C-alpha atoms as a PDB file:
ATOM      1  CA  MET A   1       0.000   0.000   0.000  1.00  0.00           C
ATOM      2  CA  SER A   2       1.239   3.460  -0.793  1.00  0.00           C
ATOM      3  CA  ALA A   3      -0.427   6.261   1.137  1.00  0.00           C
ATOM      4  CA  GLY A   4       0.822   8.769  -1.416  1.00  0.00           C
ATOM      5  CA  THR A   5      -1.414  11.820  -1.371  1.00  0.00           C
ATOM      6  CA  GLY A   6      -3.756  10.300   1.189  1.00  0.00           C
ATOM      7  CA  ILE A   7      -5.088   6.999   2.462  1.00  0.00           C
ATOM      8  CA  THR A   8      -6.507   6.362   5.911  1.00  0.00           C
ATOM      9  CA  HIS A   9      -5.483   2.941   7.144  1.00  0.00           C
ATOM     10  CA  SER A  10      -5.786   0.889  10.309  1.00  0.00           C
ATOM     11  CA  GLU A  11      -5.171  -2.731  11.220  1.00  0.00           C
ATOM     12  CA  TYR A  12      -6.670  -4.915  13.906  1.00  0.00           C
ATOM     13  CA  ASN A  13      -7.197  -8.564  14.771  1.00  0.00           C
ATOM     14  CA  ALA A  14     -10.685  -9.500  13.573  1.00  0.00           C
ATOM     15  CA  SER A  15     -10.664 -12.739  15.583  1.00  0.00           C
ATOM     16  CA  ALA A  16     -12.100 -12.731  19.087  1.00  0.00           C
ATOM     17  CA  ASP A  17     -10.312 -15.945  20.091  1.00  0.00           C
ATOM     18  CA  GLN A  18      -7.072 -16.218  18.077  1.00  0.00           C
ATOM     19  CA  THR A  19      -3.917 -14.159  18.348  1.00  0.00           C
ATOM     20  CA  VAL A  20      -2.536 -12.377  15.301  1.00  0.00           C
ATOM     21  CA  HIS A  21       1.082 -12.392  14.117  1.00  0.00           C
ATOM     22  CA  PHE A  22       2.053  -9.758  11.582  1.00  0.00           C
ATOM     23  CA  LEU A  23       4.839  -7.353  10.764  1.00  0.00           C
ATOM     24  CA  GLN A  24       4.149  -3.803   9.751  1.00  0.00           C
ATOM     25  CA  ILE A  25       6.942  -2.572   7.489  1.00  0.00           C
ATOM     26  CA  TRP A  26       7.370   0.994   6.260  1.00  0.00           C
ATOM     27  CA  VAL A  27       9.487   1.909   3.237  1.00  0.00           C
ATOM     28  CA  ILE A  28       9.884   5.615   2.522  1.00  0.00           C
ATOM     29  CA  PRO A  29       9.048   6.203  -1.163  1.00  0.00           C
ATOM     30  CA  SER A  30      11.586   7.709  -3.533  1.00  0.00           C
ATOM     31  CA  GLU A  31       9.377  10.748  -4.145  1.00  0.00           C
ATOM     32  CA  ARG A  32       6.595  12.625  -2.346  1.00  0.00           C
ATOM     33  CA  GLY A  33       3.063  13.214  -3.563  1.00  0.00           C
ATOM     34  CA  ILE A  34       2.629  10.074  -5.654  1.00  0.00           C
ATOM     35  CA  PRO A  35      -0.924   8.788  -6.188  1.00  0.00           C
ATOM     36  CA  PRO A  36      -2.084   6.346  -3.499  1.00  0.00           C
ATOM     37  CA  GLY A  37      -2.074   2.693  -4.447  1.00  0.00           C
ATOM     38  CA  TYR A  38      -2.735  -0.797  -3.144  1.00  0.00           C
ATOM     39  CA  GLU A  39      -1.620  -4.237  -4.305  1.00  0.00           C
ATOM     40  CA  GLN A  40      -2.124  -7.612  -2.679  1.00  0.00           C
ATOM     41  CA  LYS A  41      -0.840 -11.000  -3.828  1.00  0.00           C
ATOM     42  CA  THR A  42      -0.877 -14.395  -2.179  1.00  0.00           C
ATOM     43  CA  LEU A  43       2.516 -16.055  -2.413  1.00  0.00           C
ATOM     44  CA  GLY A  44       2.695 -19.846  -2.519  1.00  0.00           C
ATOM     45  CA  ARG A  45       3.889 -20.875   0.949  1.00  0.00           C
ATOM     46  CA  GLU A  46       5.529 -24.061  -0.308  1.00  0.00           C
ATOM     47  CA  GLY A  47       6.867 -22.303  -3.400  1.00  0.00           C
ATOM     48  CA  ARG A  48       9.305 -20.285  -1.311  1.00  0.00           C
ATOM     49  CA  ARG A  49      10.632 -23.169   0.824  1.00  0.00           C
ATOM     50  CA  GLY A  50      14.419 -23.071   0.607  1.00  0.00           C
ATOM     51  CA  VAL A  51      14.524 -20.154  -1.859  1.00  0.00           C
ATOM     52  CA  LEU A  52      14.360 -16.372  -1.642  1.00  0.00           C
ATOM     53  CA  GLU A  53      11.192 -15.282  -3.463  1.00  0.00           C
ATOM     54  CA  LEU A  54      11.018 -11.656  -4.624  1.00  0.00           C
ATOM     55  CA  ALA A  55       7.825 -10.368  -2.986  1.00  0.00           C
ATOM     56  CA  ALA A  56       8.186  -6.580  -3.407  1.00  0.00           C
ATOM     57  CA  GLY A  57      10.376  -4.355  -5.534  1.00  0.00           C
ATOM     58  CA  PRO A  58      10.382  -1.489  -8.048  1.00  0.00           C
ATOM     59  CA  ARG A  59       8.193  -1.743 -11.130  1.00  0.00           C
ATOM     60  CA  GLY A  60       9.830  -3.987 -13.707  1.00  0.00           C
ATOM     61  CA  SER A  61      11.844  -5.947 -11.126  1.00  0.00           C
ATOM     62  CA  GLY A  62       9.698  -9.071 -11.440  1.00  0.00           C
ATOM     63  CA  ALA A  63       8.403  -8.735  -7.875  1.00  0.00           C
ATOM     64  CA  ALA A  64       4.913  -9.902  -6.916  1.00  0.00           C
ATOM     65  CA  VAL A  65       4.002  -6.334  -5.857  1.00  0.00           C
ATOM     66  CA  SER A  66       5.655  -3.014  -6.651  1.00  0.00           C
ATOM     67  CA  ILE A  67       7.030  -0.366  -4.315  1.00  0.00           C
ATOM     68  CA  GLN A  68       8.177   3.167  -5.083  1.00  0.00           C
ATOM     69  CA  GLN A  69      11.773   2.700  -3.944  1.00  0.00           C
ATOM     70  CA  ASP A  70      15.082   1.101  -4.985  1.00  0.00           C
ATOM     71  CA  ALA A  71      14.539  -1.741  -2.519  1.00  0.00           C
ATOM     72  CA  ARG A  72      13.646  -5.394  -2.859  1.00  0.00           C
ATOM     73  CA  MET A  73      11.972  -7.574  -0.252  1.00  0.00           C
ATOM     74  CA  HIS A  74      12.457 -11.321  -0.481  1.00  0.00           C
ATOM     75  CA  VAL A  75      10.736 -13.953   1.631  1.00  0.00           C
ATOM     76  CA  ALA A  76      11.912 -17.500   2.341  1.00  0.00           C
ATOM     77  CA  ARG A  77      10.908 -20.503   4.411  1.00  0.00           C
ATOM     78  CA  LEU A  78      13.768 -22.636   5.665  1.00  0.00           C
ATOM     79  CA  ASP A  79      13.692 -26.079   7.186  1.00  0.00           C
ATOM     80  CA  ALA A  80      16.140 -26.826   9.993  1.00  0.00           C
ATOM     81  CA  GLY A  81      19.498 -27.525   8.361  1.00  0.00           C
ATOM     82  CA  ALA A  82      18.625 -25.829   5.050  1.00  0.00           C
ATOM     83  CA  GLN A  83      20.831 -22.969   3.841  1.00  0.00           C
ATOM     84  CA  ILE A  84      20.493 -20.214   1.253  1.00  0.00           C
ATOM     85  CA  SER A  85      23.029 -17.641   0.099  1.00  0.00           C
ATOM     86  CA  TYR A  86      22.563 -14.129  -1.214  1.00  0.00           C
ATOM     87  CA  ASP A  87      24.859 -11.973  -3.338  1.00  0.00           C
ATOM     88  CA  LEU A  88      24.735  -8.295  -2.426  1.00  0.00           C
ATOM     89  CA  ALA A  89      25.768  -5.808  -5.120  1.00  0.00           C
ATOM     90  CA  PRO A  90      28.500  -3.279  -4.274  1.00  0.00           C
ATOM     91  CA  GLY A  91      27.185  -0.191  -2.467  1.00  0.00           C
ATOM     92  CA  ARG A  92      24.010  -1.932  -1.242  1.00  0.00           C
ATOM     93  CA  GLY A  93      23.049  -3.063   2.229  1.00  0.00           C
ATOM     94  CA  ALA A  94      20.534  -5.548   3.539  1.00  0.00           C
ATOM     95  CA  TRP A  95      18.280  -6.149   6.520  1.00  0.00           C
ATOM     96  CA  LEU A  96      17.285  -9.654   7.594  1.00  0.00           C
ATOM     97  CA  GLN A  97      14.133  -9.999   9.723  1.00  0.00           C
ATOM     98  CA  VAL A  98      13.253 -13.331  11.319  1.00  0.00           C
ATOM     99  CA  ALA A  99       9.456 -13.580  11.230  1.00  0.00           C
ATOM    100  CA  ARG A 100       9.255 -17.107  12.661  1.00  0.00           C
ATOM    101  CA  GLY A 101      11.694 -19.706  13.941  1.00  0.00           C
ATOM    102  CA  ALA A 102      15.460 -19.344  14.143  1.00  0.00           C
ATOM    103  CA  VAL A 103      18.365 -18.959  11.708  1.00  0.00           C
ATOM    104  CA  ALA A 104      22.095 -18.398  11.636  1.00  0.00           C
ATOM    105  CA  LEU A 105      23.303 -15.443   9.559  1.00  0.00           C
ATOM    106  CA  ASN A 106      26.929 -16.178   8.655  1.00  0.00           C
ATOM    107  CA  GLY A 107      27.008 -18.196  11.876  1.00  0.00           C
ATOM    108  CA  ALA A 108      25.364 -15.555  14.139  1.00  0.00           C
ATOM    109  CA  GLU A 109      22.226 -16.935  15.799  1.00  0.00           C
ATOM    110  CA  LEU A 110      18.957 -15.026  15.303  1.00  0.00           C
ATOM    111  CA  LYS A 111      15.544 -15.992  16.663  1.00  0.00           C
ATOM    112  CA  GLU A 112      11.944 -14.971  15.965  1.00  0.00           C
ATOM    113  CA  GLY A 113      11.617 -11.181  16.114  1.00  0.00           C
ATOM    114  CA  ASP A 114      15.352 -10.540  15.651  1.00  0.00           C
ATOM    115  CA  GLY A 115      16.716  -8.446  12.819  1.00  0.00           C
ATOM    116  CA  ALA A 116      20.223  -7.832  11.522  1.00  0.00           C
ATOM    117  CA  ALA A 117      21.832  -5.189   9.311  1.00  0.00           C
ATOM    118  CA  ILE A 118      24.247  -6.448   6.667  1.00  0.00           C
ATOM    119  CA  GLU A 119      26.832  -4.134   5.133  1.00  0.00           C
ATOM    120  CA  ASP A 120      30.120  -4.598   3.300  1.00  0.00           C
ATOM    121  CA  GLU A 121      29.346  -8.255   2.542  1.00  0.00           C
ATOM    122  CA  ALA A 122      29.411  -9.401  -1.075  1.00  0.00           C
ATOM    123  CA  ARG A 123      27.797 -12.730  -0.147  1.00  0.00           C
ATOM    124  CA  PHE A 124      26.191 -14.063   3.013  1.00  0.00           C
ATOM    125  CA  ALA A 125      24.495 -17.260   4.116  1.00  0.00           C
ATOM    126  CA  ILE A 126      21.267 -17.825   6.031  1.00  0.00           C
ATOM    127  CA  ALA A 127      20.861 -21.259   7.601  1.00  0.00           C
ATOM    128  CA  GLY A 128      17.770 -22.597   9.321  1.00  0.00           C
ATOM    129  CA  THR A 129      18.613 -23.699  12.866  1.00  0.00           C
ATOM    130  CA  ALA A 130      14.902 -24.502  13.278  1.00  0.00           C
ATOM    131  CA  ALA A 131      12.032 -24.223  10.818  1.00  0.00           C
ATOM    132  CA  ALA A 132      11.991 -20.514   9.957  1.00  0.00           C
ATOM    133  CA  GLU A 133      10.442 -17.792   7.828  1.00  0.00           C
ATOM    134  CA  VAL A 134      12.576 -14.743   7.010  1.00  0.00           C
ATOM    135  CA  LEU A 135      12.286 -11.456   5.170  1.00  0.00           C
ATOM    136  CA  LEU A 136      15.381 -10.127   3.416  1.00  0.00           C
ATOM    137  CA  PHE A 137      15.478  -6.483   2.331  1.00  0.00           C
ATOM    138  CA  ASP A 138      18.060  -5.493  -0.310  1.00  0.00           C
ATOM    139  CA  LEU A 139      18.490  -1.720   0.109  1.00  0.00           C
ATOM    140  CA  ALA A 140      20.209   1.085  -1.819  1.00  0.00           C
END
């Protein structure tokens, strides 16, 4: 969702008896005053097991939904013992957010709710130390 020139938005748990688990993520757009917009896609949960799936990115990036910024958000599900690697282009940084489970980022342990900034790394590895779901942001 892009608030652009004006959208009123609120979120709440519609269930009276189940807890909700969600992350609210804000990305500052590359320019002000753009028209408001909304996109929603369901990603195949099993389709991203063991791979980084491009969920959000600039128009033309091949992402499921577009954002108005030079940033890409990938999502992956990892089984315990599974590992994925990511190549980071020169001059870019990354943020890894553990949504569920636990992982090791280049050997450093991270658990549900943890996040880590990644800079000056051409390549890094994310290994599932338990079943996990992660978000990886590739940032300019």
